[in-house]
Every structure is written in C-alpha cells, then in structure tokens.
Amino acid sequence: MVTRKRAPRLAPSPAESRAQRSATGPTKREAAAYGSNDAVYTVRSVPRMPVSEPQENPPARPAANAVWIRGHYEYTGRGYQWQPGRWEISPPGTRGWVQPAWQPAANGGYVYVRGHWQ
C-alpha cells in the first residue's frame, strides 16, 4: 500500500480566496474574462431577484459627459443587495455601460457578471 503525503497547503492569494467563494469554482481565466476583481459567483440556477425596485430621483448631472448608471440589485453570494444609481464619466475607449446580469458559465451553471464599462 502506498501512502501519499499531501503538500502543505499555503494560504490562498486574495484573488484565489475570492474565486473560492464561487459555488462551482470558476478558473482565473473565467474570472478575468468578466472584467472584475471582485468576488465571482457561479450557481447552478439563477437565484430569484426581488421584483420591485426603489424609485430613484437622480441628482443634477455633475458634468456634461456624465452618464447615469441606474440602480440595480447586486448579487452578494447570499442574496441581492440594492445598489443605488450614480453618475459616472465613462473611461476613455468605452462605448457604454453594461448592467449586471447572469450569463451561462463555461463549466455549467451561471456566473454573475457585475456591471461594467464596455
């Protein structure tokens, strides 16, 4: 009988820790593909979102080139949390803001893609 010793487990890097919060463990390449340094959440089925949204009254536009990013529910790994709308100036070379959404994951299930400039 052969006994194998496990290599000592090193503490994961911050990026690896965030990826480990995923239910099915997306690869680093998958996480990078979605353009977020935040936690990556992959689920077997999409959790039900709240059906109502708080009414928003955007404040005055702070600059002529500012874009209103409407409020949305952001998935936290345990449920959804409301993120109020805000004004942002688009980074150079971007065409527009993409609202957060669930997308099919490469390894099955769905991955939560946070809102981002594209």
C-alpha atoms as a PDB file:
ATOM      1  CA  MET A   1       0.000   0.000   0.000  1.00  0.00           C
ATOM      2  CA  VAL A   2       1.319   3.378  -0.996  1.00  0.00           C
ATOM      3  CA  THR A   3       0.589   6.354   1.191  1.00  0.00           C
ATOM      4  CA  ARG A   4       0.814   9.777  -0.337  1.00  0.00           C
ATOM      5  CA  LYS A   5       1.502  12.812   1.724  1.00  0.00           C
ATOM      6  CA  ARG A   6      -0.266  15.975   0.839  1.00  0.00           C
ATOM      7  CA  ALA A   7       1.838  19.004   0.148  1.00  0.00           C
ATOM      8  CA  PRO A   8       1.436  21.651   2.840  1.00  0.00           C
ATOM      9  CA  ARG A   9      -1.402  23.983   1.976  1.00  0.00           C
ATOM     10  CA  LEU A  10      -0.316  27.557   1.535  1.00  0.00           C
ATOM     11  CA  ALA A  11      -2.668  30.409   2.276  1.00  0.00           C
ATOM     12  CA  PRO A  12      -4.534  31.362  -0.895  1.00  0.00           C
ATOM     13  CA  SER A  13      -3.855  34.683  -2.550  1.00  0.00           C
ATOM     14  CA  PRO A  14      -6.632  37.305  -2.288  1.00  0.00           C
ATOM     15  CA  ALA A  15      -7.664  36.528  -5.881  1.00  0.00           C
ATOM     16  CA  GLU A  16      -7.811  32.799  -5.118  1.00  0.00           C
ATOM     17  CA  SER A  17      -9.831  33.473  -1.955  1.00  0.00           C
ATOM     18  CA  ARG A  18     -12.395  35.436  -3.973  1.00  0.00           C
ATOM     19  CA  ALA A  19     -12.599  32.683  -6.584  1.00  0.00           C
ATOM     20  CA  GLN A  20     -13.121  30.075  -3.857  1.00  0.00           C
ATOM     21  CA  ARG A  21     -16.352  31.808  -2.820  1.00  0.00           C
ATOM     22  CA  SER A  22     -17.812  30.562  -6.085  1.00  0.00           C
ATOM     23  CA  ALA A  23     -20.133  27.592  -5.762  1.00  0.00           C
ATOM     24  CA  THR A  24     -18.503  25.688  -8.634  1.00  0.00           C
ATOM     25  CA  GLY A  25     -15.114  27.364  -8.807  1.00  0.00           C
ATOM     26  CA  PRO A  26     -14.539  29.336 -11.996  1.00  0.00           C
ATOM     27  CA  THR A  27     -10.989  29.431 -13.294  1.00  0.00           C
ATOM     28  CA  LYS A  28      -8.909  32.575 -13.007  1.00  0.00           C
ATOM     29  CA  ARG A  29      -9.240  32.972 -16.766  1.00  0.00           C
ATOM     30  CA  GLU A  30     -13.051  32.873 -16.479  1.00  0.00           C
ATOM     31  CA  ALA A  31     -12.954  35.485 -13.724  1.00  0.00           C
ATOM     32  CA  ALA A  32     -10.683  37.724 -15.782  1.00  0.00           C
ATOM     33  CA  ALA A  33     -12.959  37.353 -18.804  1.00  0.00           C
ATOM     34  CA  TYR A  34     -15.726  39.074 -16.906  1.00  0.00           C
ATOM     35  CA  GLY A  35     -13.565  42.091 -16.110  1.00  0.00           C
ATOM     36  CA  SER A  36     -13.992  42.139 -12.359  1.00  0.00           C
ATOM     37  CA  ASN A  37     -11.524  41.974  -9.493  1.00  0.00           C
ATOM     38  CA  ASP A  38     -14.421  41.360  -7.118  1.00  0.00           C
ATOM     39  CA  ALA A  39     -15.844  38.042  -5.999  1.00  0.00           C
ATOM     40  CA  VAL A  40     -17.057  35.744  -8.775  1.00  0.00           C
ATOM     41  CA  TYR A  41     -20.282  33.853  -8.134  1.00  0.00           C
ATOM     42  CA  THR A  42     -21.243  30.781 -10.151  1.00  0.00           C
ATOM     43  CA  VAL A  43     -24.506  28.999  -9.373  1.00  0.00           C
ATOM     44  CA  ARG A  44     -26.404  26.021 -10.772  1.00  0.00           C
ATOM     45  CA  SER A  45     -29.599  28.035 -11.181  1.00  0.00           C
ATOM     46  CA  VAL A  46     -30.134  31.786 -11.086  1.00  0.00           C
ATOM     47  CA  PRO A  47     -31.410  32.985  -7.686  1.00  0.00           C
ATOM     48  CA  ARG A  48     -34.732  34.825  -7.872  1.00  0.00           C
ATOM     49  CA  MET A  49     -34.319  38.603  -7.779  1.00  0.00           C
ATOM     50  CA  PRO A  50     -36.616  40.970  -5.883  1.00  0.00           C
ATOM     51  CA  VAL A  51     -39.493  42.086  -8.115  1.00  0.00           C
ATOM     52  CA  SER A  52     -39.638  45.748  -7.097  1.00  0.00           C
ATOM     53  CA  GLU A  53     -37.000  48.456  -7.206  1.00  0.00           C
ATOM     54  CA  PRO A  54     -36.807  51.621  -5.122  1.00  0.00           C
ATOM     55  CA  GLN A  55     -37.739  54.754  -7.055  1.00  0.00           C
ATOM     56  CA  GLU A  56     -34.718  56.856  -7.883  1.00  0.00           C
ATOM     57  CA  ASN A  57     -34.524  60.583  -8.410  1.00  0.00           C
ATOM     58  CA  PRO A  58     -31.120  61.262  -9.970  1.00  0.00           C
ATOM     59  CA  PRO A  59     -29.385  64.370  -8.658  1.00  0.00           C
ATOM     60  CA  ALA A  60     -28.305  67.060 -11.122  1.00  0.00           C
ATOM     61  CA  ARG A  61     -25.772  65.904 -13.702  1.00  0.00           C
ATOM     62  CA  PRO A  62     -22.329  66.861 -12.327  1.00  0.00           C
ATOM     63  CA  ALA A  63     -20.691  67.165 -15.771  1.00  0.00           C
ATOM     64  CA  ALA A  64     -21.868  67.321 -19.374  1.00  0.00           C
ATOM     65  CA  ASN A  65     -20.241  63.953 -20.161  1.00  0.00           C
ATOM     66  CA  ALA A  66     -21.523  62.160 -17.036  1.00  0.00           C
ATOM     67  CA  VAL A  67     -23.673  59.057 -17.607  1.00  0.00           C
ATOM     68  CA  TRP A  68     -26.402  57.942 -15.188  1.00  0.00           C
ATOM     69  CA  ILE A  69     -25.860  54.345 -14.052  1.00  0.00           C
ATOM     70  CA  ARG A  70     -29.287  53.258 -12.835  1.00  0.00           C
ATOM     71  CA  GLY A  71     -29.634  51.454  -9.546  1.00  0.00           C
ATOM     72  CA  HIS A  72     -29.734  47.683  -9.526  1.00  0.00           C
ATOM     73  CA  TYR A  73     -29.757  44.653  -7.273  1.00  0.00           C
ATOM     74  CA  GLU A  74     -26.269  43.220  -6.920  1.00  0.00           C
ATOM     75  CA  TYR A  75     -25.788  39.565  -6.042  1.00  0.00           C
ATOM     76  CA  THR A  76     -23.689  39.097  -2.884  1.00  0.00           C
ATOM     77  CA  GLY A  77     -23.409  35.319  -2.695  1.00  0.00           C
ATOM     78  CA  ARG A  78     -26.184  35.187  -0.089  1.00  0.00           C
ATOM     79  CA  GLY A  79     -28.833  37.210  -1.870  1.00  0.00           C
ATOM     80  CA  TYR A  80     -29.302  40.556  -3.531  1.00  0.00           C
ATOM     81  CA  GLN A  81     -28.482  43.983  -2.173  1.00  0.00           C
ATOM     82  CA  TRP A  82     -29.740  47.231  -3.711  1.00  0.00           C
ATOM     83  CA  GLN A  83     -27.048  49.457  -5.189  1.00  0.00           C
ATOM     84  CA  PRO A  84     -28.350  52.987  -5.784  1.00  0.00           C
ATOM     85  CA  GLY A  85     -27.810  54.723  -9.112  1.00  0.00           C
ATOM     86  CA  ARG A  86     -24.905  57.080  -9.620  1.00  0.00           C
ATOM     87  CA  TRP A  87     -23.316  59.415 -12.141  1.00  0.00           C
ATOM     88  CA  GLU A  88     -20.072  58.269 -13.768  1.00  0.00           C
ATOM     89  CA  ILE A  89     -17.846  59.546 -16.529  1.00  0.00           C
ATOM     90  CA  SER A  90     -17.077  56.766 -18.984  1.00  0.00           C
ATOM     91  CA  PRO A  91     -13.438  55.709 -19.193  1.00  0.00           C
ATOM     92  CA  PRO A  92     -11.666  56.538 -22.461  1.00  0.00           C
ATOM     93  CA  GLY A  93     -12.257  53.988 -25.212  1.00  0.00           C
ATOM     94  CA  THR A  94     -15.538  52.637 -23.836  1.00  0.00           C
ATOM     95  CA  ARG A  95     -18.858  52.622 -25.679  1.00  0.00           C
ATOM     96  CA  GLY A  96     -21.324  52.265 -22.839  1.00  0.00           C
ATOM     97  CA  TRP A  97     -22.331  50.764 -19.503  1.00  0.00           C
ATOM     98  CA  VAL A  98     -23.466  47.140 -19.348  1.00  0.00           C
ATOM     99  CA  GLN A  99     -25.876  46.419 -16.492  1.00  0.00           C
ATOM    100  CA  PRO A 100     -25.068  43.389 -14.291  1.00  0.00           C
ATOM    101  CA  ALA A 101     -26.530  40.086 -15.460  1.00  0.00           C
ATOM    102  CA  TRP A 102     -26.318  36.329 -15.134  1.00  0.00           C
ATOM    103  CA  GLN A 103     -24.538  34.638 -18.058  1.00  0.00           C
ATOM    104  CA  PRO A 104     -24.039  30.928 -18.844  1.00  0.00           C
ATOM    105  CA  ALA A 105     -20.752  29.724 -17.327  1.00  0.00           C
ATOM    106  CA  ALA A 106     -18.169  27.740 -19.272  1.00  0.00           C
ATOM    107  CA  ASN A 107     -18.290  24.933 -16.693  1.00  0.00           C
ATOM    108  CA  GLY A 108     -22.102  24.824 -16.481  1.00  0.00           C
ATOM    109  CA  GLY A 109     -24.491  26.837 -14.389  1.00  0.00           C
ATOM    110  CA  TYR A 110     -24.444  30.629 -14.433  1.00  0.00           C
ATOM    111  CA  VAL A 111     -21.920  33.268 -13.486  1.00  0.00           C
ATOM    112  CA  TYR A 112     -22.872  36.698 -12.148  1.00  0.00           C
ATOM    113  CA  VAL A 113     -21.293  39.406 -14.291  1.00  0.00           C
ATOM    114  CA  ARG A 114     -21.110  42.730 -12.489  1.00  0.00           C
ATOM    115  CA  GLY A 115     -21.955  45.959 -14.262  1.00  0.00           C
ATOM    116  CA  HIS A 116     -19.041  47.320 -16.246  1.00  0.00           C
ATOM    117  CA  TRP A 117     -17.962  49.704 -18.981  1.00  0.00           C
ATOM    118  CA  GLN A 118     -17.548  48.158 -22.400  1.00  0.00           C
END
